[in-house]
Amino acid sequence: MSSEWEQVVIDAADPVALGRWWAEALGWVVVDEEPGVFEIRPERDRLPGLLFGTVPEGKTIKNRLHLDFRPVDQAAEVERLLALGARPADVGQDGDEPWVVLQDPEGNEFCVLGPRRA
């Protein structure tokens, strides 16, 4: 038996607002919007997607799973994401990492990676 990776589920206080933020940040499309559930994908029929669901509790600690993105221009992408409402995040990095840690509007950490090593 095999499985296909369908989506990553992200808990949210406001799944619509957070889902719309990520859709804009990634340039993805909305494929489902119901009360308490909001799903985006790279393209309507392309997986995996991100599914945002309502939870009553707020985020309290560092995520154990996070997303990494590798842009063509790291500095420009970090600047763009900060302008959209991302914030710098401190998860204990020492400052020598080739990635930048940010958090989305609800505090979920993600990384903007530097150039791929040859």
PDB file of N, CA and C in Angstrom:
ATOM      1  N   MET A   1       0.841  -1.174   0.000  1.00  0.00           N
ATOM      2  CA  MET A   1       0.000   0.000   0.000  1.00  0.00           C
ATOM      3  C   MET A   1       0.887   1.239   0.000  1.00  0.00           C
ATOM      4  N   SER A   2       0.533   2.231  -0.789  1.00  0.00           N
ATOM      5  CA  SER A   2       1.296   3.481  -0.811  1.00  0.00           C
ATOM      6  C   SER A   2       0.362   4.639  -0.470  1.00  0.00           C
ATOM      7  N   SER A   3       0.967   5.714  -0.045  1.00  0.00           N
ATOM      8  CA  SER A   3       0.194   6.900   0.318  1.00  0.00           C
ATOM      9  C   SER A   3       0.722   8.104  -0.428  1.00  0.00           C
ATOM     10  N   GLU A   4      -0.140   9.057  -0.661  1.00  0.00           N
ATOM     11  CA  GLU A   4       0.248  10.314  -1.284  1.00  0.00           C
ATOM     12  C   GLU A   4       0.179  11.409  -0.233  1.00  0.00           C
ATOM     13  N   TRP A   5       1.207  12.253  -0.183  1.00  0.00           N
ATOM     14  CA  TRP A   5       1.234  13.356   0.762  1.00  0.00           C
ATOM     15  C   TRP A   5       0.208  14.380   0.322  1.00  0.00           C
ATOM     16  N   GLU A   6      -0.839  14.559   1.114  1.00  0.00           N
ATOM     17  CA  GLU A   6      -1.959  15.429   0.771  1.00  0.00           C
ATOM     18  C   GLU A   6      -1.730  16.867   1.234  1.00  0.00           C
ATOM     19  N   GLN A   7      -1.355  17.047   2.514  1.00  0.00           N
ATOM     20  CA  GLN A   7      -1.240  18.395   3.044  1.00  0.00           C
ATOM     21  C   GLN A   7      -0.535  18.403   4.388  1.00  0.00           C
ATOM     22  N   VAL A   8      -0.164  19.581   4.792  1.00  0.00           N
ATOM     23  CA  VAL A   8       0.307  19.843   6.144  1.00  0.00           C
ATOM     24  C   VAL A   8      -0.797  20.627   6.828  1.00  0.00           C
ATOM     25  N   VAL A   9      -1.179  20.205   8.025  1.00  0.00           N
ATOM     26  CA  VAL A   9      -2.250  20.876   8.764  1.00  0.00           C
ATOM     27  C   VAL A   9      -1.625  21.852   9.758  1.00  0.00           C
ATOM     28  N   ILE A  10      -2.122  23.069   9.746  1.00  0.00           N
ATOM     29  CA  ILE A  10      -1.621  24.106  10.633  1.00  0.00           C
ATOM     30  C   ILE A  10      -2.771  24.595  11.510  1.00  0.00           C
ATOM     31  N   ASP A  11      -2.582  24.461  12.827  1.00  0.00           N
ATOM     32  CA  ASP A  11      -3.575  24.959  13.774  1.00  0.00           C
ATOM     33  C   ASP A  11      -3.572  26.480  13.760  1.00  0.00           C
ATOM     34  N   ALA A  12      -4.749  27.075  13.893  1.00  0.00           N
ATOM     35  CA  ALA A  12      -4.828  28.538  13.823  1.00  0.00           C
ATOM     36  C   ALA A  12      -5.989  29.057  14.667  1.00  0.00           C
ATOM     37  N   ALA A  13      -5.803  30.240  15.216  1.00  0.00           N
ATOM     38  CA  ALA A  13      -6.906  30.931  15.880  1.00  0.00           C
ATOM     39  C   ALA A  13      -7.881  31.456  14.837  1.00  0.00           C
ATOM     40  N   ASP A  14      -7.335  31.920  13.706  1.00  0.00           N
ATOM     41  CA  ASP A  14      -8.147  32.436  12.599  1.00  0.00           C
ATOM     42  C   ASP A  14      -7.642  31.801  11.305  1.00  0.00           C
ATOM     43  N   PRO A  15      -8.164  30.614  10.951  1.00  0.00           N
ATOM     44  CA  PRO A  15      -7.648  29.903   9.782  1.00  0.00           C
ATOM     45  C   PRO A  15      -7.803  30.660   8.470  1.00  0.00           C
ATOM     46  N   VAL A  16      -8.848  31.438   8.327  1.00  0.00           N
ATOM     47  CA  VAL A  16      -9.039  32.186   7.082  1.00  0.00           C
ATOM     48  C   VAL A  16      -7.956  33.259   6.946  1.00  0.00           C
ATOM     49  N   ALA A  17      -7.758  34.049   7.984  1.00  0.00           N
ATOM     50  CA  ALA A  17      -6.741  35.111   7.919  1.00  0.00           C
ATOM     51  C   ALA A  17      -5.349  34.520   7.729  1.00  0.00           C
ATOM     52  N   LEU A  18      -5.019  33.477   8.476  1.00  0.00           N
ATOM     53  CA  LEU A  18      -3.689  32.885   8.354  1.00  0.00           C
ATOM     54  C   LEU A  18      -3.525  32.208   6.988  1.00  0.00           C
ATOM     55  N   GLY A  19      -4.557  31.519   6.538  1.00  0.00           N
ATOM     56  CA  GLY A  19      -4.500  30.875   5.226  1.00  0.00           C
ATOM     57  C   GLY A  19      -4.343  31.885   4.102  1.00  0.00           C
ATOM     58  N   ARG A  20      -5.046  32.989   4.189  1.00  0.00           N
ATOM     59  CA  ARG A  20      -4.907  34.037   3.168  1.00  0.00           C
ATOM     60  C   ARG A  20      -3.496  34.641   3.208  1.00  0.00           C
ATOM     61  N   TRP A  21      -2.924  34.789   4.415  1.00  0.00           N
ATOM     62  CA  TRP A  21      -1.557  35.312   4.517  1.00  0.00           C
ATOM     63  C   TRP A  21      -0.587  34.378   3.800  1.00  0.00           C
ATOM     64  N   TRP A  22      -0.698  33.072   4.091  1.00  0.00           N
ATOM     65  CA  TRP A  22       0.192  32.108   3.445  1.00  0.00           C
ATOM     66  C   TRP A  22      -0.054  32.027   1.932  1.00  0.00           C
ATOM     67  N   ALA A  23      -1.300  32.127   1.501  1.00  0.00           N
ATOM     68  CA  ALA A  23      -1.585  32.107   0.061  1.00  0.00           C
ATOM     69  C   ALA A  23      -0.879  33.265  -0.628  1.00  0.00           C
ATOM     70  N   GLU A  24      -0.917  34.444  -0.009  1.00  0.00           N
ATOM     71  CA  GLU A  24      -0.226  35.596  -0.584  1.00  0.00           C
ATOM     72  C   GLU A  24       1.292  35.421  -0.510  1.00  0.00           C
ATOM     73  N   ALA A  25       1.790  34.944   0.619  1.00  0.00           N
ATOM     74  CA  ALA A  25       3.230  34.762   0.794  1.00  0.00           C
ATOM     75  C   ALA A  25       3.802  33.776  -0.218  1.00  0.00           C
ATOM     76  N   LEU A  26       3.048  32.711  -0.519  1.00  0.00           N
ATOM     77  CA  LEU A  26       3.534  31.666  -1.421  1.00  0.00           C
ATOM     78  C   LEU A  26       3.050  31.808  -2.859  1.00  0.00           C
ATOM     79  N   GLY A  27       2.051  32.654  -3.086  1.00  0.00           N
ATOM     80  CA  GLY A  27       1.473  32.755  -4.421  1.00  0.00           C
ATOM     81  C   GLY A  27       0.625  31.544  -4.768  1.00  0.00           C
ATOM     82  N   TRP A  28       0.029  30.914  -3.748  1.00  0.00           N
ATOM     83  CA  TRP A  28      -0.790  29.721  -3.934  1.00  0.00           C
ATOM     84  C   TRP A  28      -2.259  30.105  -4.089  1.00  0.00           C
ATOM     85  N   VAL A  29      -3.084  29.106  -4.454  1.00  0.00           N
ATOM     86  CA  VAL A  29      -4.512  29.339  -4.670  1.00  0.00           C
ATOM     87  C   VAL A  29      -5.334  28.716  -3.550  1.00  0.00           C
ATOM     88  N   VAL A  30      -6.472  29.327  -3.274  1.00  0.00           N
ATOM     89  CA  VAL A  30      -7.408  28.804  -2.286  1.00  0.00           C
ATOM     90  C   VAL A  30      -8.220  27.700  -2.946  1.00  0.00           C
ATOM     91  N   VAL A  31      -8.272  26.514  -2.314  1.00  0.00           N
ATOM     92  CA  VAL A  31      -9.046  25.412  -2.885  1.00  0.00           C
ATOM     93  C   VAL A  31     -10.231  25.014  -2.013  1.00  0.00           C
ATOM     94  N   ASP A  32     -10.263  25.461  -0.765  1.00  0.00           N
ATOM     95  CA  ASP A  32     -11.392  25.139   0.109  1.00  0.00           C
ATOM     96  C   ASP A  32     -11.490  26.192   1.204  1.00  0.00           C
ATOM     97  N   GLU A  33     -12.682  26.687   1.388  1.00  0.00           N
ATOM     98  CA  GLU A  33     -12.939  27.650   2.454  1.00  0.00           C
ATOM     99  C   GLU A  33     -14.292  27.340   3.058  1.00  0.00           C
ATOM    100  N   GLU A  34     -14.250  26.757   4.243  1.00  0.00           N
ATOM    101  CA  GLU A  34     -15.452  26.421   4.987  1.00  0.00           C
ATOM    102  C   GLU A  34     -15.291  26.985   6.390  1.00  0.00           C
ATOM    103  N   PRO A  35     -16.357  27.051   7.167  1.00  0.00           N
ATOM    104  CA  PRO A  35     -16.197  27.526   8.547  1.00  0.00           C
ATOM    105  C   PRO A  35     -15.165  26.686   9.302  1.00  0.00           C
ATOM    106  N   GLY A  36     -14.118  27.333   9.772  1.00  0.00           N
ATOM    107  CA  GLY A  36     -13.092  26.651  10.551  1.00  0.00           C
ATOM    108  C   GLY A  36     -12.033  25.918   9.753  1.00  0.00           C
ATOM    109  N   VAL A  37     -12.135  25.925   8.413  1.00  0.00           N
ATOM    110  CA  VAL A  37     -11.164  25.207   7.576  1.00  0.00           C
ATOM    111  C   VAL A  37     -10.844  26.054   6.346  1.00  0.00           C
ATOM    112  N   PHE A  38      -9.574  26.140   6.032  1.00  0.00           N
ATOM    113  CA  PHE A  38      -9.130  26.920   4.879  1.00  0.00           C
ATOM    114  C   PHE A  38      -7.953  26.181   4.256  1.00  0.00           C
ATOM    115  N   GLU A  39      -8.016  25.849   2.970  1.00  0.00           N
ATOM    116  CA  GLU A  39      -6.954  25.076   2.322  1.00  0.00           C
ATOM    117  C   GLU A  39      -6.398  25.815   1.113  1.00  0.00           C
ATOM    118  N   ILE A  40      -5.071  25.786   0.996  1.00  0.00           N
ATOM    119  CA  ILE A  40      -4.390  26.363  -0.170  1.00  0.00           C
ATOM    120  C   ILE A  40      -3.459  25.312  -0.766  1.00  0.00           C
ATOM    121  N   ARG A  41      -3.181  25.481  -2.058  1.00  0.00           N
ATOM    122  CA  ARG A  41      -2.257  24.587  -2.773  1.00  0.00           C
ATOM    123  C   ARG A  41      -1.469  25.410  -3.786  1.00  0.00           C
ATOM    124  N   PRO A  42      -0.359  24.850  -4.264  1.00  0.00           N
ATOM    125  CA  PRO A  42       0.418  25.555  -5.296  1.00  0.00           C
ATOM    126  C   PRO A  42      -0.418  25.820  -6.551  1.00  0.00           C
ATOM    127  N   GLU A  43      -1.234  24.853  -6.928  1.00  0.00           N
ATOM    128  CA  GLU A  43      -2.197  24.946  -8.026  1.00  0.00           C
ATOM    129  C   GLU A  43      -3.400  24.117  -7.601  1.00  0.00           C
ATOM    130  N   ARG A  44      -4.546  24.362  -8.174  1.00  0.00           N
ATOM    131  CA  ARG A  44      -5.771  23.674  -7.753  1.00  0.00           C
ATOM    132  C   ARG A  44      -5.600  22.154  -7.653  1.00  0.00           C
ATOM    133  N   ASP A  45      -4.944  21.541  -8.612  1.00  0.00           N
ATOM    134  CA  ASP A  45      -4.825  20.075  -8.640  1.00  0.00           C
ATOM    135  C   ASP A  45      -3.418  19.593  -8.301  1.00  0.00           C
ATOM    136  N   ARG A  46      -2.648  20.394  -7.580  1.00  0.00           N
ATOM    137  CA  ARG A  46      -1.269  20.006  -7.244  1.00  0.00           C
ATOM    138  C   ARG A  46      -1.116  19.892  -5.730  1.00  0.00           C
ATOM    139  N   LEU A  47      -0.541  18.803  -5.304  1.00  0.00           N
ATOM    140  CA  LEU A  47      -0.301  18.539  -3.887  1.00  0.00           C
ATOM    141  C   LEU A  47       1.194  18.620  -3.592  1.00  0.00           C
ATOM    142  N   PRO A  48       1.578  18.757  -2.328  1.00  0.00           N
ATOM    143  CA  PRO A  48       0.732  18.885  -1.156  1.00  0.00           C
ATOM    144  C   PRO A  48       0.259  20.313  -0.956  1.00  0.00           C
ATOM    145  N   GLY A  49      -0.731  20.440  -0.069  1.00  0.00           N
ATOM    146  CA  GLY A  49      -1.273  21.748   0.261  1.00  0.00           C
ATOM    147  C   GLY A  49      -1.072  22.062   1.728  1.00  0.00           C
ATOM    148  N   LEU A  50      -1.583  23.188   2.126  1.00  0.00           N
ATOM    149  CA  LEU A  50      -1.604  23.588   3.530  1.00  0.00           C
ATOM    150  C   LEU A  50      -3.062  23.745   3.939  1.00  0.00           C
ATOM    151  N   LEU A  51      -3.441  23.084   5.023  1.00  0.00           N
ATOM    152  CA  LEU A  51      -4.809  23.147   5.533  1.00  0.00           C
ATOM    153  C   LEU A  51      -4.772  23.823   6.897  1.00  0.00           C
ATOM    154  N   PHE A  52      -5.518  24.889   7.052  1.00  0.00           N
ATOM    155  CA  PHE A  52      -5.567  25.658   8.292  1.00  0.00           C
ATOM    156  C   PHE A  52      -6.878  25.338   8.989  1.00  0.00           C
ATOM    157  N   GLY A  53      -6.788  24.914  10.249  1.00  0.00           N
ATOM    158  CA  GLY A  53      -7.977  24.560  11.013  1.00  0.00           C
ATOM    159  C   GLY A  53      -8.018  25.300  12.333  1.00  0.00           C
ATOM    160  N   THR A  54      -9.219  25.552  12.808  1.00  0.00           N
ATOM    161  CA  THR A  54      -9.417  26.296  14.046  1.00  0.00           C
ATOM    162  C   THR A  54      -9.094  25.445  15.263  1.00  0.00           C
ATOM    163  N   VAL A  55      -8.344  26.035  16.196  1.00  0.00           N
ATOM    164  CA  VAL A  55      -8.114  25.440  17.510  1.00  0.00           C
ATOM    165  C   VAL A  55      -8.333  26.535  18.556  1.00  0.00           C
ATOM    166  N   PRO A  56      -8.777  26.149  19.751  1.00  0.00           N
ATOM    167  CA  PRO A  56      -9.069  27.168  20.764  1.00  0.00           C
ATOM    168  C   PRO A  56      -7.821  27.721  21.462  1.00  0.00           C
ATOM    169  N   GLU A  57      -6.778  26.930  21.546  1.00  0.00           N
ATOM    170  CA  GLU A  57      -5.591  27.369  22.281  1.00  0.00           C
ATOM    171  C   GLU A  57      -4.609  28.084  21.362  1.00  0.00           C
ATOM    172  N   GLY A  58      -3.831  28.991  21.942  1.00  0.00           N
ATOM    173  CA  GLY A  58      -2.795  29.684  21.195  1.00  0.00           C
ATOM    174  C   GLY A  58      -1.497  28.896  21.189  1.00  0.00           C
ATOM    175  N   LYS A  59      -0.594  29.269  20.333  1.00  0.00           N
ATOM    176  CA  LYS A  59       0.722  28.641  20.255  1.00  0.00           C
ATOM    177  C   LYS A  59       1.531  29.061  21.475  1.00  0.00           C
ATOM    178  N   THR A  60       2.232  28.102  22.099  1.00  0.00           N
ATOM    179  CA  THR A  60       2.975  28.425  23.315  1.00  0.00           C
ATOM    180  C   THR A  60       4.471  28.132  23.235  1.00  0.00           C
ATOM    181  N   ILE A  61       4.878  27.194  22.380  1.00  0.00           N
ATOM    182  CA  ILE A  61       6.299  26.839  22.287  1.00  0.00           C
ATOM    183  C   ILE A  61       6.718  26.749  20.828  1.00  0.00           C
ATOM    184  N   LYS A  62       8.013  26.602  20.600  1.00  0.00           N
ATOM    185  CA  LYS A  62       8.560  26.444  19.248  1.00  0.00           C
ATOM    186  C   LYS A  62       7.909  25.240  18.560  1.00  0.00           C
ATOM    187  N   ASN A  63       7.607  25.421  17.273  1.00  0.00           N
ATOM    188  CA  ASN A  63       7.045  24.312  16.490  1.00  0.00           C
ATOM    189  C   ASN A  63       8.036  23.151  16.424  1.00  0.00           C
ATOM    190  N   ARG A  64       7.522  21.936  16.459  1.00  0.00           N
ATOM    191  CA  ARG A  64       8.382  20.767  16.293  1.00  0.00           C
ATOM    192  C   ARG A  64       8.531  20.418  14.812  1.00  0.00           C
ATOM    193  N   LEU A  65       7.694  20.965  13.989  1.00  0.00           N
ATOM    194  CA  LEU A  65       7.757  20.795  12.546  1.00  0.00           C
ATOM    195  C   LEU A  65       7.641  22.185  11.952  1.00  0.00           C
ATOM    196  N   HIS A  66       8.487  22.497  10.976  1.00  0.00           N
ATOM    197  CA  HIS A  66       8.372  23.809  10.340  1.00  0.00           C
ATOM    198  C   HIS A  66       8.653  23.663   8.854  1.00  0.00           C
ATOM    199  N   LEU A  67       8.310  24.692   8.110  1.00  0.00           N
ATOM    200  CA  LEU A  67       8.494  24.699   6.661  1.00  0.00           C
ATOM    201  C   LEU A  67       9.764  25.464   6.321  1.00  0.00           C
ATOM    202  N   ASP A  68      10.480  24.992   5.311  1.00  0.00           N
ATOM    203  CA  ASP A  68      11.671  25.659   4.780  1.00  0.00           C
ATOM    204  C   ASP A  68      11.392  26.072   3.340  1.00  0.00           C
ATOM    205  N   PHE A  69      11.815  27.269   2.983  1.00  0.00           N
ATOM    206  CA  PHE A  69      11.652  27.776   1.625  1.00  0.00           C
ATOM    207  C   PHE A  69      13.001  28.234   1.110  1.00  0.00           C
ATOM    208  N   ARG A  70      13.299  27.922  -0.168  1.00  0.00           N
ATOM    209  CA  ARG A  70      14.574  28.313  -0.763  1.00  0.00           C
ATOM    210  C   ARG A  70      14.303  29.253  -1.941  1.00  0.00           C
ATOM    211  N   PRO A  71      14.357  30.553  -1.702  1.00  0.00           N
ATOM    212  CA  PRO A  71      14.128  31.517  -2.781  1.00  0.00           C
ATOM    213  C   PRO A  71      15.375  31.711  -3.633  1.00  0.00           C
ATOM    214  N   VAL A  72      15.209  32.369  -4.744  1.00  0.00           N
ATOM    215  CA  VAL A  72      16.344  32.721  -5.589  1.00  0.00           C
ATOM    216  C   VAL A  72      17.203  33.774  -4.885  1.00  0.00           C
ATOM    217  N   ASP A  73      16.547  34.745  -4.249  1.00  0.00           N
ATOM    218  CA  ASP A  73      17.241  35.833  -3.561  1.00  0.00           C
ATOM    219  C   ASP A  73      16.749  35.877  -2.112  1.00  0.00           C
ATOM    220  N   GLN A  74      17.541  35.339  -1.196  1.00  0.00           N
ATOM    221  CA  GLN A  74      17.135  35.230   0.203  1.00  0.00           C
ATOM    222  C   GLN A  74      16.821  36.596   0.816  1.00  0.00           C
ATOM    223  N   ALA A  75      17.701  37.564   0.654  1.00  0.00           N
ATOM    224  CA  ALA A  75      17.503  38.876   1.274  1.00  0.00           C
ATOM    225  C   ALA A  75      16.218  39.540   0.775  1.00  0.00           C
ATOM    226  N   ALA A  76      15.975  39.469  -0.528  1.00  0.00           N
ATOM    227  CA  ALA A  76      14.763  40.075  -1.085  1.00  0.00           C
ATOM    228  C   ALA A  76      13.510  39.358  -0.586  1.00  0.00           C
ATOM    229  N   GLU A  77      13.577  38.042  -0.468  1.00  0.00           N
ATOM    230  CA  GLU A  77      12.416  37.281   0.002  1.00  0.00           C
ATOM    231  C   GLU A  77      12.138  37.565   1.477  1.00  0.00           C
ATOM    232  N   VAL A  78      13.159  37.645   2.290  1.00  0.00           N
ATOM    233  CA  VAL A  78      12.962  37.987   3.700  1.00  0.00           C
ATOM    234  C   VAL A  78      12.324  39.368   3.811  1.00  0.00           C
ATOM    235  N   GLU A  79      12.822  40.320   3.058  1.00  0.00           N
ATOM    236  CA  GLU A  79      12.260  41.676   3.072  1.00  0.00           C
ATOM    237  C   GLU A  79      10.789  41.663   2.652  1.00  0.00           C
ATOM    238  N   ARG A  80      10.457  40.892   1.610  1.00  0.00           N
ATOM    239  CA  ARG A  80       9.076  40.798   1.123  1.00  0.00           C
ATOM    240  C   ARG A  80       8.161  40.188   2.183  1.00  0.00           C
ATOM    241  N   LEU A  81       8.616  39.105   2.815  1.00  0.00           N
ATOM    242  CA  LEU A  81       7.803  38.439   3.831  1.00  0.00           C
ATOM    243  C   LEU A  81       7.609  39.312   5.068  1.00  0.00           C
ATOM    244  N   LEU A  82       8.645  40.041   5.452  1.00  0.00           N
ATOM    245  CA  LEU A  82       8.505  40.975   6.572  1.00  0.00           C
ATOM    246  C   LEU A  82       7.484  42.062   6.240  1.00  0.00           C
ATOM    247  N   ALA A  83       7.492  42.549   4.998  1.00  0.00           N
ATOM    248  CA  ALA A  83       6.527  43.562   4.572  1.00  0.00           C
ATOM    249  C   ALA A  83       5.095  43.024   4.594  1.00  0.00           C
ATOM    250  N   LEU A  84       4.937  41.696   4.386  1.00  0.00           N
ATOM    251  CA  LEU A  84       3.608  41.073   4.429  1.00  0.00           C
ATOM    252  C   LEU A  84       3.123  40.843   5.861  1.00  0.00           C
ATOM    253  N   GLY A  85       4.027  40.952   6.840  1.00  0.00           N
ATOM    254  CA  GLY A  85       3.615  40.753   8.229  1.00  0.00           C
ATOM    255  C   GLY A  85       4.346  39.657   8.969  1.00  0.00           C
ATOM    256  N   ALA A  86       5.311  38.989   8.330  1.00  0.00           N
ATOM    257  CA  ALA A  86       6.148  38.024   9.060  1.00  0.00           C
ATOM    258  C   ALA A  86       7.000  38.799  10.062  1.00  0.00           C
ATOM    259  N   ARG A  87       7.496  38.091  11.074  1.00  0.00           N
ATOM    260  CA  ARG A  87       8.367  38.710  12.072  1.00  0.00           C
ATOM    261  C   ARG A  87       9.598  37.837  12.267  1.00  0.00           C
ATOM    262  N   PRO A  88      10.735  38.427  12.627  1.00  0.00           N
ATOM    263  CA  PRO A  88      11.911  37.618  12.948  1.00  0.00           C
ATOM    264  C   PRO A  88      11.606  36.713  14.143  1.00  0.00           C
ATOM    265  N   ALA A  89      12.191  35.533  14.144  1.00  0.00           N
ATOM    266  CA  ALA A  89      11.980  34.582  15.240  1.00  0.00           C
ATOM    267  C   ALA A  89      13.320  34.116  15.780  1.00  0.00           C
ATOM    268  N   ASP A  90      13.400  34.003  17.088  1.00  0.00           N
ATOM    269  CA  ASP A  90      14.596  33.494  17.749  1.00  0.00           C
ATOM    270  C   ASP A  90      14.277  32.112  18.305  1.00  0.00           C
ATOM    271  N   VAL A  91      14.872  31.098  17.693  1.00  0.00           N
ATOM    272  CA  VAL A  91      14.684  29.718  18.159  1.00  0.00           C
ATOM    273  C   VAL A  91      16.007  29.146  18.664  1.00  0.00           C
ATOM    274  N   GLY A  92      16.934  30.046  19.017  1.00  0.00           N
ATOM    275  CA  GLY A  92      18.214  29.614  19.555  1.00  0.00           C
ATOM    276  C   GLY A  92      19.332  29.565  18.540  1.00  0.00           C
ATOM    277  N   GLN A  93      19.117  30.117  17.361  1.00  0.00           N
ATOM    278  CA  GLN A  93      20.165  30.112  16.355  1.00  0.00           C
ATOM    279  C   GLN A  93      21.335  30.987  16.827  1.00  0.00           C
ATOM    280  N   ASP A  94      22.543  30.653  16.359  1.00  0.00           N
ATOM    281  CA  ASP A  94      23.734  31.385  16.830  1.00  0.00           C
ATOM    282  C   ASP A  94      24.141  32.530  15.919  1.00  0.00           C
ATOM    283  N   GLY A  95      23.462  32.710  14.806  1.00  0.00           N
ATOM    284  CA  GLY A  95      23.762  33.823  13.915  1.00  0.00           C
ATOM    285  C   GLY A  95      24.632  33.461  12.732  1.00  0.00           C
ATOM    286  N   ASP A  96      25.208  32.271  12.735  1.00  0.00           N
ATOM    287  CA  ASP A  96      26.063  31.839  11.624  1.00  0.00           C
ATOM    288  C   ASP A  96      25.329  30.947  10.627  1.00  0.00           C
ATOM    289  N   GLU A  97      24.038  30.742  10.816  1.00  0.00           N
ATOM    290  CA  GLU A  97      23.282  29.859   9.938  1.00  0.00           C
ATOM    291  C   GLU A  97      23.074  30.507   8.569  1.00  0.00           C
ATOM    292  N   PRO A  98      23.013  29.695   7.522  1.00  0.00           N
ATOM    293  CA  PRO A  98      22.739  30.245   6.188  1.00  0.00           C
ATOM    294  C   PRO A  98      21.244  30.415   5.925  1.00  0.00           C
ATOM    295  N   TRP A  99      20.413  30.386   6.959  1.00  0.00           N
ATOM    296  CA  TRP A  99      18.981  30.576   6.823  1.00  0.00           C
ATOM    297  C   TRP A  99      18.521  31.664   7.787  1.00  0.00           C
ATOM    298  N   VAL A 100      17.325  32.172   7.512  1.00  0.00           N
ATOM    299  CA  VAL A 100      16.714  33.187   8.362  1.00  0.00           C
ATOM    300  C   VAL A 100      15.426  32.584   8.916  1.00  0.00           C
ATOM    301  N   VAL A 101      15.241  32.668  10.221  1.00  0.00           N
ATOM    302  CA  VAL A 101      14.036  32.146  10.853  1.00  0.00           C
ATOM    303  C   VAL A 101      13.043  33.292  11.024  1.00  0.00           C
ATOM    304  N   LEU A 102      11.850  33.069  10.495  1.00  0.00           N
ATOM    305  CA  LEU A 102      10.754  34.033  10.623  1.00  0.00           C
ATOM    306  C   LEU A 102       9.564  33.329  11.246  1.00  0.00           C
ATOM    307  N   GLN A 103       8.551  34.094  11.598  1.00  0.00           N
ATOM    308  CA  GLN A 103       7.289  33.521  12.053  1.00  0.00           C
ATOM    309  C   GLN A 103       6.146  34.228  11.347  1.00  0.00           C
ATOM    310  N   ASP A 104       5.099  33.444  11.089  1.00  0.00           N
ATOM    311  CA  ASP A 104       3.918  34.004  10.435  1.00  0.00           C
ATOM    312  C   ASP A 104       3.117  34.836  11.441  1.00  0.00           C
ATOM    313  N   PRO A 105       2.010  35.441  11.035  1.00  0.00           N
ATOM    314  CA  PRO A 105       1.253  36.298  11.944  1.00  0.00           C
ATOM    315  C   PRO A 105       0.735  35.620  13.220  1.00  0.00           C
ATOM    316  N   GLU A 106       0.637  34.284  13.232  1.00  0.00           N
ATOM    317  CA  GLU A 106       0.202  33.590  14.447  1.00  0.00           C
ATOM    318  C   GLU A 106       1.374  32.959  15.197  1.00  0.00           C
ATOM    319  N   GLY A 107       2.611  33.248  14.776  1.00  0.00           N
ATOM    320  CA  GLY A 107       3.783  32.792  15.518  1.00  0.00           C
ATOM    321  C   GLY A 107       4.392  31.478  15.078  1.00  0.00           C
ATOM    322  N   ASN A 108       3.945  30.894  13.969  1.00  0.00           N
ATOM    323  CA  ASN A 108       4.515  29.642  13.474  1.00  0.00           C
ATOM    324  C   ASN A 108       5.833  29.919  12.763  1.00  0.00           C
ATOM    325  N   GLU A 109       6.899  29.272  13.227  1.00  0.00           N
ATOM    326  CA  GLU A 109       8.213  29.501  12.644  1.00  0.00           C
ATOM    327  C   GLU A 109       8.352  28.832  11.274  1.00  0.00           C
ATOM    328  N   PHE A 110       9.140  29.467  10.424  1.00  0.00           N
ATOM    329  CA  PHE A 110       9.534  28.892   9.136  1.00  0.00           C
ATOM    330  C   PHE A 110      10.883  29.480   8.766  1.00  0.00           C
ATOM    331  N   CYS A 111      11.590  28.817   7.857  1.00  0.00           N
ATOM    332  CA  CYS A 111      12.932  29.260   7.484  1.00  0.00           C
ATOM    333  C   CYS A 111      12.994  29.665   6.025  1.00  0.00           C
ATOM    334  N   VAL A 112      13.750  30.729   5.785  1.00  0.00           N
ATOM    335  CA  VAL A 112      14.066  31.161   4.429  1.00  0.00           C
ATOM    336  C   VAL A 112      15.534  30.802   4.235  1.00  0.00           C
ATOM    337  N   LEU A 113      15.770  29.811   3.393  1.00  0.00           N
ATOM    338  CA  LEU A 113      17.111  29.263   3.214  1.00  0.00           C
ATOM    339  C   LEU A 113      17.962  30.109   2.293  1.00  0.00           C
ATOM    340  N   GLY A 114      19.270  29.952   2.435  1.00  0.00           N
ATOM    341  CA  GLY A 114      20.216  30.595   1.547  1.00  0.00           C
ATOM    342  C   GLY A 114      20.414  29.758   0.287  1.00  0.00           C
ATOM    343  N   PRO A 115      21.388  30.140  -0.527  1.00  0.00           N
ATOM    344  CA  PRO A 115      21.646  29.390  -1.765  1.00  0.00           C
ATOM    345  C   PRO A 115      22.002  27.929  -1.476  1.00  0.00           C
ATOM    346  N   ARG A 116      21.605  27.057  -2.382  1.00  0.00           N
ATOM    347  CA  ARG A 116      21.929  25.635  -2.270  1.00  0.00           C
ATOM    348  C   ARG A 116      23.433  25.447  -2.476  1.00  0.00           C
ATOM    349  N   ARG A 117      24.001  24.577  -1.685  1.00  0.00           N
ATOM    350  CA  ARG A 117      25.441  24.305  -1.846  1.00  0.00           C
ATOM    351  C   ARG A 117      25.676  23.559  -3.142  1.00  0.00           C
ATOM    352  N   ALA A 118      26.817  23.831  -3.752  1.00  0.00           N
ATOM    353  CA  ALA A 118      27.152  23.179  -5.035  1.00  0.00           C
ATOM    354  C   ALA A 118      27.413  21.705  -4.831  1.00  0.00           C
TER     355      ALA A 118
END
